[in-house]
Amino acid sequence: MTGAFGAAADLHEVGRVWCNLCRAEGDTFEIARSEDEMDVMQRHSLMRHPEHEAALRAGQRYEPVEVMP
């Protein structure tokens, strides 16, 4: 089944992983899907969003929210 924006858009969304924290700040960080995508995103989050990582370590709950451009 193809989405409303066509196969090219589906491939773009399915084949990419992005940082919702960056999107919420009006920035972009996205990578191609791969076996180590979670490791790359974790390293990115530690470097770019240390306050978020500190909150998680302190036991606060994080619920990702899709940000509409």
PDB file of N, CA and C in Angstrom:
ATOM      1  N   MET A   1       0.839  -1.178   0.000  1.00  0.00           N
ATOM      2  CA  MET A   1       0.000   0.000   0.000  1.00  0.00           C
ATOM      3  C   MET A   1       0.891   1.252   0.000  1.00  0.00           C
ATOM      4  N   THR A   2       0.551   2.190  -0.814  1.00  0.00           N
ATOM      5  CA  THR A   2       1.307   3.433  -0.923  1.00  0.00           C
ATOM      6  C   THR A   2       0.595   4.531  -0.155  1.00  0.00           C
ATOM      7  N   GLY A   3       1.365   5.360   0.529  1.00  0.00           N
ATOM      8  CA  GLY A   3       0.793   6.456   1.314  1.00  0.00           C
ATOM      9  C   GLY A   3       0.265   7.571   0.428  1.00  0.00           C
ATOM     10  N   ALA A   4      -0.326   8.549   1.054  1.00  0.00           N
ATOM     11  CA  ALA A   4      -0.966   9.649   0.341  1.00  0.00           C
ATOM     12  C   ALA A   4       0.013  10.483  -0.475  1.00  0.00           C
ATOM     13  N   PHE A   5       1.289  10.469  -0.094  1.00  0.00           N
ATOM     14  CA  PHE A   5       2.257  11.300  -0.791  1.00  0.00           C
ATOM     15  C   PHE A   5       3.089  10.514  -1.804  1.00  0.00           C
ATOM     16  N   GLY A   6       2.746   9.243  -2.046  1.00  0.00           N
ATOM     17  CA  GLY A   6       3.420   8.464  -3.062  1.00  0.00           C
ATOM     18  C   GLY A   6       4.566   7.613  -2.545  1.00  0.00           C
ATOM     19  N   ALA A   7       5.049   6.724  -3.400  1.00  0.00           N
ATOM     20  CA  ALA A   7       6.080   5.756  -3.023  1.00  0.00           C
ATOM     21  C   ALA A   7       7.391   6.426  -2.638  1.00  0.00           C
ATOM     22  N   ALA A   8       7.769   7.510  -3.317  1.00  0.00           N
ATOM     23  CA  ALA A   8       9.026   8.190  -2.993  1.00  0.00           C
ATOM     24  C   ALA A   8       8.993   8.746  -1.572  1.00  0.00           C
ATOM     25  N   ALA A   9       7.867   9.298  -1.174  1.00  0.00           N
ATOM     26  CA  ALA A   9       7.735   9.814   0.191  1.00  0.00           C
ATOM     27  C   ALA A   9       7.759   8.675   1.197  1.00  0.00           C
ATOM     28  N   ASP A  10       7.114   7.564   0.865  1.00  0.00           N
ATOM     29  CA  ASP A  10       7.122   6.400   1.761  1.00  0.00           C
ATOM     30  C   ASP A  10       8.544   5.918   1.980  1.00  0.00           C
ATOM     31  N   LEU A  11       9.327   5.823   0.925  1.00  0.00           N
ATOM     32  CA  LEU A  11      10.705   5.373   1.027  1.00  0.00           C
ATOM     33  C   LEU A  11      11.507   6.341   1.901  1.00  0.00           C
ATOM     34  N   HIS A  12      11.277   7.630   1.709  1.00  0.00           N
ATOM     35  CA  HIS A  12      12.002   8.635   2.497  1.00  0.00           C
ATOM     36  C   HIS A  12      11.687   8.472   3.975  1.00  0.00           C
ATOM     37  N   GLU A  13      10.429   8.311   4.336  1.00  0.00           N
ATOM     38  CA  GLU A  13      10.057   8.201   5.742  1.00  0.00           C
ATOM     39  C   GLU A  13      10.476   6.859   6.330  1.00  0.00           C
ATOM     40  N   VAL A  14      10.320   5.777   5.589  1.00  0.00           N
ATOM     41  CA  VAL A  14      10.654   4.449   6.095  1.00  0.00           C
ATOM     42  C   VAL A  14      12.160   4.262   6.186  1.00  0.00           C
ATOM     43  N   GLY A  15      12.905   4.874   5.271  1.00  0.00           N
ATOM     44  CA  GLY A  15      14.344   4.669   5.212  1.00  0.00           C
ATOM     45  C   GLY A  15      15.156   5.620   6.061  1.00  0.00           C
ATOM     46  N   ARG A  16      14.506   6.478   6.847  1.00  0.00           N
ATOM     47  CA  ARG A  16      15.205   7.483   7.638  1.00  0.00           C
ATOM     48  C   ARG A  16      14.795   7.392   9.101  1.00  0.00           C
ATOM     49  N   VAL A  17      15.694   7.796   9.969  1.00  0.00           N
ATOM     50  CA  VAL A  17      15.431   7.914  11.399  1.00  0.00           C
ATOM     51  C   VAL A  17      15.803   9.331  11.778  1.00  0.00           C
ATOM     52  N   TRP A  18      14.930  10.023  12.514  1.00  0.00           N
ATOM     53  CA  TRP A  18      15.225  11.400  12.855  1.00  0.00           C
ATOM     54  C   TRP A  18      15.064  11.644  14.341  1.00  0.00           C
ATOM     55  N   CYS A  19      15.629  12.757  14.781  1.00  0.00           N
ATOM     56  CA  CYS A  19      15.581  13.153  16.187  1.00  0.00           C
ATOM     57  C   CYS A  19      14.409  14.109  16.386  1.00  0.00           C
ATOM     58  N   ASN A  20      13.397  13.666  17.141  1.00  0.00           N
ATOM     59  CA  ASN A  20      12.239  14.521  17.404  1.00  0.00           C
ATOM     60  C   ASN A  20      12.601  15.709  18.276  1.00  0.00           C
ATOM     61  N   LEU A  21      13.615  15.578  19.122  1.00  0.00           N
ATOM     62  CA  LEU A  21      14.033  16.717  19.942  1.00  0.00           C
ATOM     63  C   LEU A  21      14.569  17.834  19.051  1.00  0.00           C
ATOM     64  N   CYS A  22      15.344  17.472  18.035  1.00  0.00           N
ATOM     65  CA  CYS A  22      15.834  18.476  17.092  1.00  0.00           C
ATOM     66  C   CYS A  22      14.670  19.101  16.328  1.00  0.00           C
ATOM     67  N   ARG A  23      13.725  18.285  15.892  1.00  0.00           N
ATOM     68  CA  ARG A  23      12.573  18.820  15.162  1.00  0.00           C
ATOM     69  C   ARG A  23      11.809  19.823  16.008  1.00  0.00           C
ATOM     70  N   ALA A  24      11.643  19.516  17.285  1.00  0.00           N
ATOM     71  CA  ALA A  24      10.919  20.417  18.185  1.00  0.00           C
ATOM     72  C   ALA A  24      11.637  21.752  18.316  1.00  0.00           C
ATOM     73  N   GLU A  25      12.967  21.761  18.122  1.00  0.00           N
ATOM     74  CA  GLU A  25      13.764  22.988  18.201  1.00  0.00           C
ATOM     75  C   GLU A  25      13.892  23.675  16.846  1.00  0.00           C
ATOM     76  N   GLY A  26      13.241  23.130  15.822  1.00  0.00           N
ATOM     77  CA  GLY A  26      13.324  23.710  14.486  1.00  0.00           C
ATOM     78  C   GLY A  26      14.586  23.334  13.749  1.00  0.00           C
ATOM     79  N   ASP A  27      15.272  22.289  14.212  1.00  0.00           N
ATOM     80  CA  ASP A  27      16.508  21.828  13.596  1.00  0.00           C
ATOM     81  C   ASP A  27      16.258  20.460  12.967  1.00  0.00           C
ATOM     82  N   THR A  28      17.253  19.918  12.306  1.00  0.00           N
ATOM     83  CA  THR A  28      17.112  18.609  11.670  1.00  0.00           C
ATOM     84  C   THR A  28      18.333  17.756  11.960  1.00  0.00           C
ATOM     85  N   PHE A  29      18.081  16.539  12.411  1.00  0.00           N
ATOM     86  CA  PHE A  29      19.123  15.522  12.485  1.00  0.00           C
ATOM     87  C   PHE A  29      18.467  14.230  12.077  1.00  0.00           C
ATOM     88  N   GLU A  30      18.873  13.684  10.949  1.00  0.00           N
ATOM     89  CA  GLU A  30      18.328  12.409  10.503  1.00  0.00           C
ATOM     90  C   GLU A  30      19.410  11.584   9.853  1.00  0.00           C
ATOM     91  N   ILE A  31      19.249  10.274   9.961  1.00  0.00           N
ATOM     92  CA  ILE A  31      20.221   9.339   9.411  1.00  0.00           C
ATOM     93  C   ILE A  31      19.478   8.257   8.648  1.00  0.00           C
ATOM     94  N   ALA A  32      20.194   7.559   7.782  1.00  0.00           N
ATOM     95  CA  ALA A  32      19.618   6.414   7.081  1.00  0.00           C
ATOM     96  C   ALA A  32      19.486   5.246   8.055  1.00  0.00           C
ATOM     97  N   ARG A  33      18.441   4.460   7.887  1.00  0.00           N
ATOM     98  CA  ARG A  33      18.259   3.279   8.729  1.00  0.00           C
ATOM     99  C   ARG A  33      19.441   2.338   8.559  1.00  0.00           C
ATOM    100  N   SER A  34      19.890   1.764   9.688  1.00  0.00           N
ATOM    101  CA  SER A  34      21.000   0.821   9.648  1.00  0.00           C
ATOM    102  C   SER A  34      20.953  -0.021  10.916  1.00  0.00           C
ATOM    103  N   GLU A  35      21.857  -0.984  11.001  1.00  0.00           N
ATOM    104  CA  GLU A  35      21.890  -1.853  12.173  1.00  0.00           C
ATOM    105  C   GLU A  35      22.282  -1.093  13.433  1.00  0.00           C
ATOM    106  N   ASP A  36      23.071  -0.018  13.285  1.00  0.00           N
ATOM    107  CA  ASP A  36      23.533   0.713  14.463  1.00  0.00           C
ATOM    108  C   ASP A  36      22.811   2.052  14.645  1.00  0.00           C
ATOM    109  N   GLU A  37      21.627   2.187  14.050  1.00  0.00           N
ATOM    110  CA  GLU A  37      20.897   3.460  14.123  1.00  0.00           C
ATOM    111  C   GLU A  37      20.610   3.890  15.563  1.00  0.00           C
ATOM    112  N   MET A  38      20.281   2.961  16.441  1.00  0.00           N
ATOM    113  CA  MET A  38      19.981   3.325  17.825  1.00  0.00           C
ATOM    114  C   MET A  38      21.235   3.811  18.548  1.00  0.00           C
ATOM    115  N   ASP A  39      22.369   3.208  18.264  1.00  0.00           N
ATOM    116  CA  ASP A  39      23.625   3.660  18.864  1.00  0.00           C
ATOM    117  C   ASP A  39      23.980   5.069  18.391  1.00  0.00           C
ATOM    118  N   VAL A  40      23.813   5.321  17.093  1.00  0.00           N
ATOM    119  CA  VAL A  40      24.110   6.641  16.544  1.00  0.00           C
ATOM    120  C   VAL A  40      23.188   7.685  17.161  1.00  0.00           C
ATOM    121  N   MET A  41      21.893   7.360  17.268  1.00  0.00           N
ATOM    122  CA  MET A  41      20.946   8.317  17.841  1.00  0.00           C
ATOM    123  C   MET A  41      21.230   8.545  19.326  1.00  0.00           C
ATOM    124  N   GLN A  42      21.648   7.512  20.033  1.00  0.00           N
ATOM    125  CA  GLN A  42      21.990   7.671  21.446  1.00  0.00           C
ATOM    126  C   GLN A  42      23.189   8.599  21.608  1.00  0.00           C
ATOM    127  N   ARG A  43      24.211   8.412  20.785  1.00  0.00           N
ATOM    128  CA  ARG A  43      25.387   9.289  20.843  1.00  0.00           C
ATOM    129  C   ARG A  43      25.002  10.727  20.503  1.00  0.00           C
ATOM    130  N   HIS A  44      24.149  10.879  19.495  1.00  0.00           N
ATOM    131  CA  HIS A  44      23.665  12.210  19.122  1.00  0.00           C
ATOM    132  C   HIS A  44      22.940  12.860  20.292  1.00  0.00           C
ATOM    133  N   SER A  45      22.065  12.113  20.923  1.00  0.00           N
ATOM    134  CA  SER A  45      21.279  12.656  22.033  1.00  0.00           C
ATOM    135  C   SER A  45      22.174  13.053  23.205  1.00  0.00           C
ATOM    136  N   LEU A  46      23.179  12.238  23.502  1.00  0.00           N
ATOM    137  CA  LEU A  46      24.105  12.565  24.589  1.00  0.00           C
ATOM    138  C   LEU A  46      24.876  13.855  24.305  1.00  0.00           C
ATOM    139  N   MET A  47      25.256  14.051  23.041  1.00  0.00           N
ATOM    140  CA  MET A  47      26.037  15.239  22.690  1.00  0.00           C
ATOM    141  C   MET A  47      25.153  16.472  22.516  1.00  0.00           C
ATOM    142  N   ARG A  48      24.020  16.316  21.844  1.00  0.00           N
ATOM    143  CA  ARG A  48      23.201  17.474  21.472  1.00  0.00           C
ATOM    144  C   ARG A  48      22.139  17.816  22.520  1.00  0.00           C
ATOM    145  N   HIS A  49      21.665  16.821  23.262  1.00  0.00           N
ATOM    146  CA  HIS A  49      20.560  17.034  24.198  1.00  0.00           C
ATOM    147  C   HIS A  49      20.902  16.488  25.588  1.00  0.00           C
ATOM    148  N   PRO A  50      21.993  16.953  26.189  1.00  0.00           N
ATOM    149  CA  PRO A  50      22.415  16.392  27.479  1.00  0.00           C
ATOM    150  C   PRO A  50      21.382  16.596  28.583  1.00  0.00           C
ATOM    151  N   GLU A  51      20.618  17.701  28.536  1.00  0.00           N
ATOM    152  CA  GLU A  51      19.604  17.930  29.559  1.00  0.00           C
ATOM    153  C   GLU A  51      18.484  16.882  29.487  1.00  0.00           C
ATOM    154  N   HIS A  52      18.171  16.446  28.290  1.00  0.00           N
ATOM    155  CA  HIS A  52      17.162  15.400  28.091  1.00  0.00           C
ATOM    156  C   HIS A  52      17.677  14.080  28.659  1.00  0.00           C
ATOM    157  N   GLU A  53      18.919  13.743  28.346  1.00  0.00           N
ATOM    158  CA  GLU A  53      19.506  12.498  28.845  1.00  0.00           C
ATOM    159  C   GLU A  53      19.598  12.515  30.371  1.00  0.00           C
ATOM    160  N   ALA A  54      19.935  13.676  30.950  1.00  0.00           N
ATOM    161  CA  ALA A  54      20.008  13.792  32.406  1.00  0.00           C
ATOM    162  C   ALA A  54      18.627  13.580  33.029  1.00  0.00           C
ATOM    163  N   ALA A  55      17.593  14.102  32.398  1.00  0.00           N
ATOM    164  CA  ALA A  55      16.229  13.912  32.904  1.00  0.00           C
ATOM    165  C   ALA A  55      15.842  12.440  32.874  1.00  0.00           C
ATOM    166  N   LEU A  56      16.212  11.742  31.803  1.00  0.00           N
ATOM    167  CA  LEU A  56      15.915  10.307  31.726  1.00  0.00           C
ATOM    168  C   LEU A  56      16.637   9.538  32.830  1.00  0.00           C
ATOM    169  N   ARG A  57      17.907   9.873  33.057  1.00  0.00           N
ATOM    170  CA  ARG A  57      18.664   9.202  34.118  1.00  0.00           C
ATOM    171  C   ARG A  57      18.084   9.496  35.498  1.00  0.00           C
ATOM    172  N   ALA A  58      17.440  10.652  35.647  1.00  0.00           N
ATOM    173  CA  ALA A  58      16.827  11.027  36.921  1.00  0.00           C
ATOM    174  C   ALA A  58      15.461  10.373  37.114  1.00  0.00           C
ATOM    175  N   GLY A  59      15.037   9.579  36.128  1.00  0.00           N
ATOM    176  CA  GLY A  59      13.786   8.845  36.262  1.00  0.00           C
ATOM    177  C   GLY A  59      12.571   9.520  35.659  1.00  0.00           C
ATOM    178  N   GLN A  60      12.775  10.631  34.970  1.00  0.00           N
ATOM    179  CA  GLN A  60      11.645  11.280  34.323  1.00  0.00           C
ATOM    180  C   GLN A  60      11.238  10.491  33.090  1.00  0.00           C
ATOM    181  N   ARG A  61       9.978  10.555  32.742  1.00  0.00           N
ATOM    182  CA  ARG A  61       9.447   9.798  31.611  1.00  0.00           C
ATOM    183  C   ARG A  61       9.511  10.648  30.340  1.00  0.00           C
ATOM    184  N   TYR A  62       9.858  10.022  29.243  1.00  0.00           N
ATOM    185  CA  TYR A  62       9.909  10.707  27.951  1.00  0.00           C
ATOM    186  C   TYR A  62       8.932  10.040  27.007  1.00  0.00           C
ATOM    187  N   GLU A  63       8.015  10.842  26.466  1.00  0.00           N
ATOM    188  CA  GLU A  63       7.077  10.346  25.472  1.00  0.00           C
ATOM    189  C   GLU A  63       7.317  11.112  24.177  1.00  0.00           C
ATOM    190  N   PRO A  64       7.860  10.432  23.169  1.00  0.00           N
ATOM    191  CA  PRO A  64       8.147  11.137  21.907  1.00  0.00           C
ATOM    192  C   PRO A  64       6.870  11.673  21.274  1.00  0.00           C
ATOM    193  N   VAL A  65       6.957  12.851  20.699  1.00  0.00           N
ATOM    194  CA  VAL A  65       5.819  13.489  20.059  1.00  0.00           C
ATOM    195  C   VAL A  65       6.219  13.830  18.637  1.00  0.00           C
ATOM    196  N   GLU A  66       5.389  13.490  17.692  1.00  0.00           N
ATOM    197  CA  GLU A  66       5.661  13.848  16.295  1.00  0.00           C
ATOM    198  C   GLU A  66       5.407  15.344  16.125  1.00  0.00           C
ATOM    199  N   VAL A  67       6.356  16.034  15.549  1.00  0.00           N
ATOM    200  CA  VAL A  67       6.260  17.472  15.376  1.00  0.00           C
ATOM    201  C   VAL A  67       5.873  17.763  13.937  1.00  0.00           C
ATOM    202  N   MET A  68       4.814  18.509  13.752  1.00  0.00           N
ATOM    203  CA  MET A  68       4.393  18.879  12.402  1.00  0.00           C
ATOM    204  C   MET A  68       5.201  20.085  11.953  1.00  0.00           C
ATOM    205  N   PRO A  69       5.804  20.024  10.755  1.00  0.00           N
ATOM    206  CA  PRO A  69       6.612  21.162  10.271  1.00  0.00           C
ATOM    207  C   PRO A  69       5.747  22.364   9.960  1.00  0.00           C
TER     208      PRO A  69
END
